[in-house]
Amino acid sequence: MKTKIKEYRARHNLTQAQLAEKVGVRRETIVFLEKGKYNPSLKLAHDIAVVLEAKIDDIFIFDDEPLENEEHSS
């Protein structure tokens, strides 16, 4: 997964720590999200999108891997 969190944070003049505080997580969580090393819960993705005044799918770009159910359906 890729994210545009850093880009949107810059638009709002927010540090990683400030964004983390607003959404109720540690700064390290924001670091991992920005590096694509952590997939957020739907709630966290929503909270970040609200703070950054964007849609979830504008901030989070999910890989095009098939869903598990799609692999087994025929």
C-alpha atoms as a PDB file:
ATOM      1  CA  MET A   1       0.000   0.000   0.000  1.00  0.00           C
ATOM      2  CA  LYS A   2       1.163   3.497  -0.791  1.00  0.00           C
ATOM      3  CA  THR A   3      -0.019   6.676   0.866  1.00  0.00           C
ATOM      4  CA  LYS A   4      -0.090  10.388   0.245  1.00  0.00           C
ATOM      5  CA  ILE A   5      -0.190  11.203   3.950  1.00  0.00           C
ATOM      6  CA  LYS A   6       3.053  13.164   3.824  1.00  0.00           C
ATOM      7  CA  GLU A   7       1.817  15.263   0.901  1.00  0.00           C
ATOM      8  CA  TYR A   8      -1.517  16.025   2.573  1.00  0.00           C
ATOM      9  CA  ARG A   9       0.208  16.715   5.920  1.00  0.00           C
ATOM     10  CA  ALA A  10       2.407  19.301   4.203  1.00  0.00           C
ATOM     11  CA  ARG A  11      -0.666  21.003   2.731  1.00  0.00           C
ATOM     12  CA  HIS A  12      -2.054  21.370   6.252  1.00  0.00           C
ATOM     13  CA  ASN A  13       1.305  22.302   7.840  1.00  0.00           C
ATOM     14  CA  LEU A  14       1.093  19.347  10.216  1.00  0.00           C
ATOM     15  CA  THR A  15       4.019  17.417  11.638  1.00  0.00           C
ATOM     16  CA  GLN A  16       3.825  13.652  12.044  1.00  0.00           C
ATOM     17  CA  ALA A  17       3.415  14.189  15.789  1.00  0.00           C
ATOM     18  CA  GLN A  18       0.563  16.665  15.321  1.00  0.00           C
ATOM     19  CA  LEU A  19      -1.309  14.351  12.964  1.00  0.00           C
ATOM     20  CA  ALA A  20      -0.730  11.433  15.331  1.00  0.00           C
ATOM     21  CA  GLU A  21      -2.153  13.418  18.238  1.00  0.00           C
ATOM     22  CA  LYS A  22      -5.238  14.435  16.252  1.00  0.00           C
ATOM     23  CA  VAL A  23      -6.058  10.830  15.300  1.00  0.00           C
ATOM     24  CA  GLY A  24      -5.036   9.241  18.604  1.00  0.00           C
ATOM     25  CA  VAL A  25      -1.984   7.206  17.607  1.00  0.00           C
ATOM     26  CA  ARG A  26       1.766   7.372  18.213  1.00  0.00           C
ATOM     27  CA  ARG A  27       4.016   9.303  15.827  1.00  0.00           C
ATOM     28  CA  GLU A  28       5.681   6.012  14.887  1.00  0.00           C
ATOM     29  CA  THR A  29       2.363   4.792  13.478  1.00  0.00           C
ATOM     30  CA  ILE A  30       2.281   7.774  11.124  1.00  0.00           C
ATOM     31  CA  VAL A  31       5.905   7.062  10.136  1.00  0.00           C
ATOM     32  CA  PHE A  32       5.037   3.435   9.303  1.00  0.00           C
ATOM     33  CA  LEU A  33       1.933   4.512   7.381  1.00  0.00           C
ATOM     34  CA  GLU A  34       3.901   7.026   5.325  1.00  0.00           C
ATOM     35  CA  LYS A  35       6.481   4.359   4.462  1.00  0.00           C
ATOM     36  CA  GLY A  36       3.762   1.895   3.459  1.00  0.00           C
ATOM     37  CA  LYS A  37       4.815  -0.551   6.180  1.00  0.00           C
ATOM     38  CA  TYR A  38       1.489  -0.554   8.025  1.00  0.00           C
ATOM     39  CA  ASN A  39      -2.086  -0.992   6.828  1.00  0.00           C
ATOM     40  CA  PRO A  40      -4.445   1.147   8.886  1.00  0.00           C
ATOM     41  CA  SER A  41      -7.768   0.027  10.247  1.00  0.00           C
ATOM     42  CA  LEU A  42     -10.765   1.492   8.454  1.00  0.00           C
ATOM     43  CA  LYS A  43     -11.379   3.725  11.483  1.00  0.00           C
ATOM     44  CA  LEU A  44      -7.815   5.086  11.438  1.00  0.00           C
ATOM     45  CA  ALA A  45      -7.913   5.629   7.663  1.00  0.00           C
ATOM     46  CA  HIS A  46     -11.212   7.499   8.096  1.00  0.00           C
ATOM     47  CA  ASP A  47      -9.878   9.629  10.956  1.00  0.00           C
ATOM     48  CA  ILE A  48      -6.765  10.570   8.965  1.00  0.00           C
ATOM     49  CA  ALA A  49      -8.888  11.461   5.935  1.00  0.00           C
ATOM     50  CA  VAL A  50     -11.141  13.675   8.073  1.00  0.00           C
ATOM     51  CA  VAL A  51      -8.197  15.545   9.608  1.00  0.00           C
ATOM     52  CA  LEU A  52      -6.555  15.966   6.194  1.00  0.00           C
ATOM     53  CA  GLU A  53      -9.871  16.976   4.586  1.00  0.00           C
ATOM     54  CA  ALA A  54      -9.679  14.306   1.881  1.00  0.00           C
ATOM     55  CA  LYS A  55     -11.298  11.054   0.839  1.00  0.00           C
ATOM     56  CA  ILE A  56      -9.742   7.808   2.041  1.00  0.00           C
ATOM     57  CA  ASP A  57      -8.999   6.688  -1.514  1.00  0.00           C
ATOM     58  CA  ASP A  58      -7.221   9.994  -2.240  1.00  0.00           C
ATOM     59  CA  ILE A  59      -4.767   9.314   0.595  1.00  0.00           C
ATOM     60  CA  PHE A  60      -4.411   5.530   0.540  1.00  0.00           C
ATOM     61  CA  ILE A  61      -3.528   3.695  -2.666  1.00  0.00           C
ATOM     62  CA  PHE A  62      -4.099  -0.007  -2.172  1.00  0.00           C
ATOM     63  CA  ASP A  63      -2.200  -2.616  -4.171  1.00  0.00           C
ATOM     64  CA  ASP A  64      -4.087  -4.328  -6.971  1.00  0.00           C
ATOM     65  CA  GLU A  65      -3.806  -7.762  -5.405  1.00  0.00           C
ATOM     66  CA  PRO A  66      -6.932  -9.888  -5.870  1.00  0.00           C
ATOM     67  CA  LEU A  67      -9.116 -10.407  -2.852  1.00  0.00           C
ATOM     68  CA  GLU A  68      -8.978 -13.864  -1.315  1.00  0.00           C
ATOM     69  CA  ASN A  69     -12.618 -14.539  -2.287  1.00  0.00           C
ATOM     70  CA  GLU A  70     -11.930 -13.604  -5.915  1.00  0.00           C
ATOM     71  CA  GLU A  71      -9.149 -16.177  -6.164  1.00  0.00           C
ATOM     72  CA  HIS A  72     -11.458 -19.023  -5.214  1.00  0.00           C
ATOM     73  CA  SER A  73     -14.621 -18.057  -7.057  1.00  0.00           C
ATOM     74  CA  SER A  74     -15.313 -19.438 -10.514  1.00  0.00           C
END
